[in-house]
Amino acid sequence: MIKIAIQILDVFFNVVAGIFLLRLILNEISPSPFNTLASLLHRVTEPVLVPIRKILPDSLKEKLYTDISPLIAFLLIIALKFVIINALSVLFLRHKARPPSLKLK
């Protein structure tokens, strides 16, 4: 059961990380605002990126020529994936390592 959960979470985190990576690439390309894929990615990722932009200092925003909030979100998702998957893997290994219970009659 835990192994299946780990695999599902792995796929989920990979998809979410891919979405933010695509958003990062599209920021550099600057597609037309009428592009359906670009507007969909913008609507999906913007609720996560707004708080990240608020945390970034203004001096950093002025020095950089591009928005790095998608990169920060991507790195945070990868770190979160690492922590959660490893924690679940440890639980899975502990569950499998338990000796079988002895039934006394």
N, C-alpha and C. Protein backbone atom coordinates (compact mmCIF):
# COMPACT_ATOMS: atom_id res chain seq x y z
N MET A 1 0.81 -1.19 0.00
CA MET A 1 0.00 0.00 0.00
C MET A 1 0.87 1.27 0.00
N ILE A 2 1.89 1.28 0.86
CA ILE A 2 2.76 2.45 0.93
C ILE A 2 3.58 2.58 -0.35
N LYS A 3 3.96 1.45 -0.93
CA LYS A 3 4.74 1.48 -2.17
C LYS A 3 3.94 2.12 -3.30
N ILE A 4 2.66 1.82 -3.38
CA ILE A 4 1.80 2.43 -4.40
C ILE A 4 1.66 3.93 -4.15
N ALA A 5 1.51 4.31 -2.88
CA ALA A 5 1.41 5.73 -2.54
C ALA A 5 2.69 6.47 -2.92
N ILE A 6 3.82 5.84 -2.70
CA ILE A 6 5.10 6.45 -3.07
C ILE A 6 5.17 6.67 -4.58
N GLN A 7 4.75 5.68 -5.35
CA GLN A 7 4.80 5.80 -6.81
C GLN A 7 3.84 6.88 -7.31
N ILE A 8 2.65 6.95 -6.71
CA ILE A 8 1.68 7.98 -7.11
C ILE A 8 2.20 9.37 -6.77
N LEU A 9 2.75 9.52 -5.58
CA LEU A 9 3.31 10.82 -5.19
C LEU A 9 4.49 11.20 -6.06
N ASP A 10 5.30 10.24 -6.44
CA ASP A 10 6.44 10.51 -7.31
C ASP A 10 5.96 11.06 -8.65
N VAL A 11 4.96 10.43 -9.23
CA VAL A 11 4.41 10.91 -10.51
C VAL A 11 3.80 12.29 -10.33
N PHE A 12 3.05 12.49 -9.25
CA PHE A 12 2.42 13.78 -9.00
C PHE A 12 3.46 14.89 -8.90
N PHE A 13 4.50 14.68 -8.10
CA PHE A 13 5.53 15.70 -7.95
C PHE A 13 6.27 15.94 -9.25
N ASN A 14 6.49 14.90 -10.05
CA ASN A 14 7.15 15.09 -11.34
C ASN A 14 6.30 15.94 -12.28
N VAL A 15 4.99 15.71 -12.28
CA VAL A 15 4.09 16.49 -13.14
C VAL A 15 4.07 17.95 -12.69
N VAL A 16 3.94 18.17 -11.39
CA VAL A 16 3.90 19.55 -10.87
C VAL A 16 5.23 20.26 -11.14
N ALA A 17 6.34 19.57 -10.93
CA ALA A 17 7.65 20.17 -11.21
C ALA A 17 7.78 20.48 -12.70
N GLY A 18 7.27 19.60 -13.54
CA GLY A 18 7.30 19.84 -14.99
C GLY A 18 6.48 21.05 -15.39
N ILE A 19 5.35 21.26 -14.72
CA ILE A 19 4.52 22.43 -15.01
C ILE A 19 5.28 23.71 -14.69
N PHE A 20 5.96 23.74 -13.54
CA PHE A 20 6.71 24.94 -13.19
C PHE A 20 7.95 25.12 -14.07
N LEU A 21 8.54 24.04 -14.50
CA LEU A 21 9.67 24.14 -15.43
C LEU A 21 9.20 24.69 -16.77
N LEU A 22 8.06 24.24 -17.22
CA LEU A 22 7.48 24.76 -18.47
C LEU A 22 7.15 26.23 -18.32
N ARG A 23 6.62 26.62 -17.16
CA ARG A 23 6.32 28.04 -16.92
C ARG A 23 7.60 28.86 -16.96
N LEU A 24 8.68 28.34 -16.40
CA LEU A 24 9.96 29.04 -16.43
C LEU A 24 10.45 29.24 -17.87
N ILE A 25 10.32 28.22 -18.68
CA ILE A 25 10.73 28.30 -20.08
C ILE A 25 9.85 29.28 -20.85
N LEU A 26 8.54 29.22 -20.60
CA LEU A 26 7.63 30.12 -21.30
C LEU A 26 7.85 31.58 -20.89
N ASN A 27 8.29 31.82 -19.65
CA ASN A 27 8.61 33.19 -19.25
C ASN A 27 9.74 33.76 -20.10
N GLU A 28 10.68 32.92 -20.46
CA GLU A 28 11.82 33.38 -21.26
C GLU A 28 11.43 33.58 -22.72
N ILE A 29 10.51 32.77 -23.21
CA ILE A 29 10.09 32.86 -24.61
C ILE A 29 9.12 34.02 -24.82
N SER A 30 8.32 34.32 -23.81
CA SER A 30 7.28 35.37 -23.86
C SER A 30 6.31 35.13 -25.01
N PRO A 31 5.49 34.07 -24.90
CA PRO A 31 4.53 33.80 -25.97
C PRO A 31 3.41 34.83 -25.97
N SER A 32 2.62 34.79 -26.99
CA SER A 32 1.48 35.70 -27.12
C SER A 32 0.52 35.50 -25.94
N PRO A 33 -0.08 36.58 -25.43
CA PRO A 33 -1.04 36.42 -24.33
C PRO A 33 -2.29 35.65 -24.74
N PHE A 34 -2.49 35.50 -26.04
CA PHE A 34 -3.64 34.75 -26.52
C PHE A 34 -3.36 33.26 -26.68
N ASN A 35 -2.12 32.86 -26.40
CA ASN A 35 -1.74 31.46 -26.48
C ASN A 35 -2.46 30.69 -25.38
N THR A 36 -3.18 29.65 -25.75
CA THR A 36 -4.00 28.89 -24.80
C THR A 36 -3.14 28.19 -23.74
N LEU A 37 -2.07 27.56 -24.15
CA LEU A 37 -1.19 26.86 -23.21
C LEU A 37 -0.56 27.83 -22.22
N ALA A 38 -0.10 28.97 -22.73
CA ALA A 38 0.53 29.95 -21.85
C ALA A 38 -0.47 30.52 -20.85
N SER A 39 -1.67 30.80 -21.29
CA SER A 39 -2.67 31.35 -20.35
C SER A 39 -3.11 30.30 -19.33
N LEU A 40 -3.18 29.04 -19.73
CA LEU A 40 -3.53 27.96 -18.80
C LEU A 40 -2.43 27.79 -17.75
N LEU A 41 -1.18 27.77 -18.19
CA LEU A 41 -0.06 27.66 -17.25
C LEU A 41 -0.01 28.86 -16.30
N HIS A 42 -0.33 30.02 -16.83
CA HIS A 42 -0.33 31.22 -15.99
C HIS A 42 -1.41 31.11 -14.90
N ARG A 43 -2.61 30.68 -15.28
CA ARG A 43 -3.70 30.56 -14.31
C ARG A 43 -3.42 29.48 -13.27
N VAL A 44 -2.78 28.40 -13.66
CA VAL A 44 -2.53 27.28 -12.74
C VAL A 44 -1.39 27.60 -11.78
N THR A 45 -0.36 28.25 -12.25
CA THR A 45 0.83 28.45 -11.44
C THR A 45 0.83 29.76 -10.66
N GLU A 46 0.07 30.73 -11.08
CA GLU A 46 0.11 32.05 -10.45
C GLU A 46 -0.23 32.03 -8.96
N PRO A 47 -1.20 31.23 -8.47
CA PRO A 47 -1.46 31.22 -7.02
C PRO A 47 -0.27 30.77 -6.18
N VAL A 48 0.62 29.98 -6.75
CA VAL A 48 1.82 29.54 -6.03
C VAL A 48 2.93 30.59 -6.15
N LEU A 49 3.00 31.25 -7.28
CA LEU A 49 4.10 32.17 -7.54
C LEU A 49 3.94 33.53 -6.85
N VAL A 50 2.72 33.97 -6.64
CA VAL A 50 2.49 35.28 -6.01
C VAL A 50 3.11 35.35 -4.61
N PRO A 51 2.88 34.37 -3.72
CA PRO A 51 3.52 34.46 -2.40
C PRO A 51 5.05 34.42 -2.47
N ILE A 52 5.59 33.67 -3.44
CA ILE A 52 7.04 33.61 -3.59
C ILE A 52 7.58 34.99 -4.00
N ARG A 53 6.88 35.66 -4.91
CA ARG A 53 7.30 37.00 -5.33
C ARG A 53 7.25 38.00 -4.19
N LYS A 54 6.27 37.84 -3.30
CA LYS A 54 6.16 38.75 -2.16
C LYS A 54 7.33 38.58 -1.19
N ILE A 55 7.84 37.35 -1.08
CA ILE A 55 8.94 37.07 -0.17
C ILE A 55 10.28 37.58 -0.71
N LEU A 56 10.44 37.56 -2.04
CA LEU A 56 11.70 37.98 -2.65
C LEU A 56 11.98 39.45 -2.36
N PRO A 57 13.21 39.79 -1.98
CA PRO A 57 13.53 41.20 -1.73
C PRO A 57 13.50 42.03 -3.01
N ASP A 58 13.15 43.30 -2.88
CA ASP A 58 13.07 44.18 -4.05
C ASP A 58 14.42 44.36 -4.72
N SER A 59 15.50 44.35 -3.92
CA SER A 59 16.83 44.53 -4.51
C SER A 59 17.17 43.38 -5.46
N LEU A 60 16.72 42.18 -5.13
CA LEU A 60 16.97 41.03 -6.01
C LEU A 60 16.13 41.14 -7.28
N LYS A 61 14.91 41.60 -7.13
CA LYS A 61 14.04 41.76 -8.30
C LYS A 61 14.61 42.78 -9.28
N GLU A 62 15.23 43.84 -8.74
CA GLU A 62 15.79 44.89 -9.61
C GLU A 62 17.04 44.41 -10.34
N LYS A 63 17.84 43.56 -9.69
CA LYS A 63 19.10 43.10 -10.29
C LYS A 63 18.88 42.07 -11.39
N LEU A 64 17.82 41.28 -11.26
CA LEU A 64 17.58 40.22 -12.24
C LEU A 64 16.70 40.74 -13.36
N TYR A 65 16.93 40.23 -14.53
CA TYR A 65 16.16 40.66 -15.69
C TYR A 65 14.94 39.77 -15.94
N THR A 66 14.82 38.73 -15.15
CA THR A 66 13.72 37.79 -15.36
C THR A 66 13.10 37.43 -14.03
N ASP A 67 11.90 36.90 -14.09
CA ASP A 67 11.18 36.46 -12.90
C ASP A 67 11.70 35.08 -12.50
N ILE A 68 12.27 34.98 -11.31
CA ILE A 68 12.83 33.69 -10.88
C ILE A 68 11.88 32.91 -9.98
N SER A 69 10.68 33.44 -9.77
CA SER A 69 9.75 32.72 -8.89
C SER A 69 9.39 31.33 -9.41
N PRO A 70 9.25 31.10 -10.74
CA PRO A 70 9.02 29.71 -11.18
C PRO A 70 10.19 28.78 -10.86
N LEU A 71 11.41 29.30 -10.93
CA LEU A 71 12.59 28.50 -10.59
C LEU A 71 12.59 28.15 -9.11
N ILE A 72 12.26 29.11 -8.27
CA ILE A 72 12.20 28.86 -6.83
C ILE A 72 11.11 27.85 -6.52
N ALA A 73 9.94 27.99 -7.16
CA ALA A 73 8.85 27.04 -6.95
C ALA A 73 9.27 25.64 -7.40
N PHE A 74 9.96 25.54 -8.54
CA PHE A 74 10.44 24.26 -9.04
C PHE A 74 11.39 23.61 -8.04
N LEU A 75 12.33 24.39 -7.51
CA LEU A 75 13.28 23.84 -6.54
C LEU A 75 12.60 23.44 -5.24
N LEU A 76 11.62 24.22 -4.80
CA LEU A 76 10.87 23.87 -3.59
C LEU A 76 10.08 22.57 -3.77
N ILE A 77 9.52 22.39 -4.95
CA ILE A 77 8.75 21.16 -5.22
C ILE A 77 9.68 19.96 -5.24
N ILE A 78 10.85 20.11 -5.85
CA ILE A 78 11.81 19.01 -5.87
C ILE A 78 12.26 18.67 -4.45
N ALA A 79 12.51 19.69 -3.62
CA ALA A 79 12.92 19.45 -2.23
C ALA A 79 11.79 18.78 -1.45
N LEU A 80 10.56 19.26 -1.64
CA LEU A 80 9.41 18.66 -0.96
C LEU A 80 9.22 17.21 -1.39
N LYS A 81 9.40 16.94 -2.67
CA LYS A 81 9.31 15.56 -3.17
C LYS A 81 10.36 14.68 -2.50
N PHE A 82 11.57 15.18 -2.41
CA PHE A 82 12.65 14.43 -1.79
C PHE A 82 12.33 14.08 -0.35
N VAL A 83 11.85 15.06 0.41
CA VAL A 83 11.55 14.84 1.82
C VAL A 83 10.40 13.86 2.00
N ILE A 84 9.32 14.06 1.27
CA ILE A 84 8.13 13.21 1.44
C ILE A 84 8.39 11.79 0.96
N ILE A 85 8.99 11.64 -0.20
CA ILE A 85 9.25 10.30 -0.74
C ILE A 85 10.21 9.54 0.17
N ASN A 86 11.25 10.22 0.66
CA ASN A 86 12.19 9.53 1.55
C ASN A 86 11.55 9.16 2.87
N ALA A 87 10.70 10.02 3.40
CA ALA A 87 10.02 9.69 4.66
C ALA A 87 9.09 8.48 4.47
N LEU A 88 8.38 8.46 3.37
CA LEU A 88 7.50 7.32 3.11
C LEU A 88 8.31 6.05 2.84
N SER A 89 9.45 6.19 2.19
CA SER A 89 10.30 5.02 1.94
C SER A 89 10.81 4.42 3.24
N VAL A 90 11.18 5.28 4.18
CA VAL A 90 11.63 4.79 5.49
C VAL A 90 10.50 4.06 6.19
N LEU A 91 9.29 4.62 6.12
CA LEU A 91 8.14 3.94 6.72
C LEU A 91 7.90 2.59 6.07
N PHE A 92 8.03 2.55 4.74
CA PHE A 92 7.82 1.30 4.01
C PHE A 92 8.86 0.26 4.43
N LEU A 93 10.11 0.67 4.55
CA LEU A 93 11.16 -0.27 4.94
C LEU A 93 10.96 -0.76 6.37
N ARG A 94 10.54 0.13 7.26
CA ARG A 94 10.28 -0.30 8.64
C ARG A 94 9.12 -1.27 8.70
N HIS A 95 8.11 -1.03 7.87
CA HIS A 95 6.94 -1.91 7.85
C HIS A 95 7.33 -3.29 7.34
N LYS A 96 8.18 -3.33 6.32
CA LYS A 96 8.60 -4.62 5.77
C LYS A 96 9.59 -5.34 6.68
N ALA A 97 10.33 -4.61 7.50
CA ALA A 97 11.37 -5.21 8.34
C ALA A 97 10.82 -5.81 9.62
N ARG A 98 9.57 -5.58 9.93
CA ARG A 98 9.01 -6.13 11.16
C ARG A 98 9.00 -7.65 11.09
N PRO A 99 9.39 -8.29 12.16
CA PRO A 99 9.33 -9.75 12.15
C PRO A 99 7.88 -10.20 12.22
N PRO A 100 7.60 -11.35 11.67
CA PRO A 100 6.22 -11.84 11.75
C PRO A 100 5.83 -12.08 13.21
N SER A 101 4.59 -11.79 13.50
CA SER A 101 4.14 -11.96 14.88
C SER A 101 3.98 -13.45 15.20
N LEU A 102 4.37 -13.80 16.39
CA LEU A 102 4.26 -15.19 16.83
C LEU A 102 2.94 -15.35 17.56
N LYS A 103 2.21 -16.36 17.18
CA LYS A 103 0.92 -16.61 17.84
C LYS A 103 1.12 -17.75 18.84
N LEU A 104 0.84 -17.46 20.07
CA LEU A 104 0.94 -18.47 21.09
C LEU A 104 -0.43 -19.07 21.34
N LYS A 105 -0.47 -20.39 21.51
CA LYS A 105 -1.76 -21.04 21.74
C LYS A 105 -1.96 -21.35 23.19
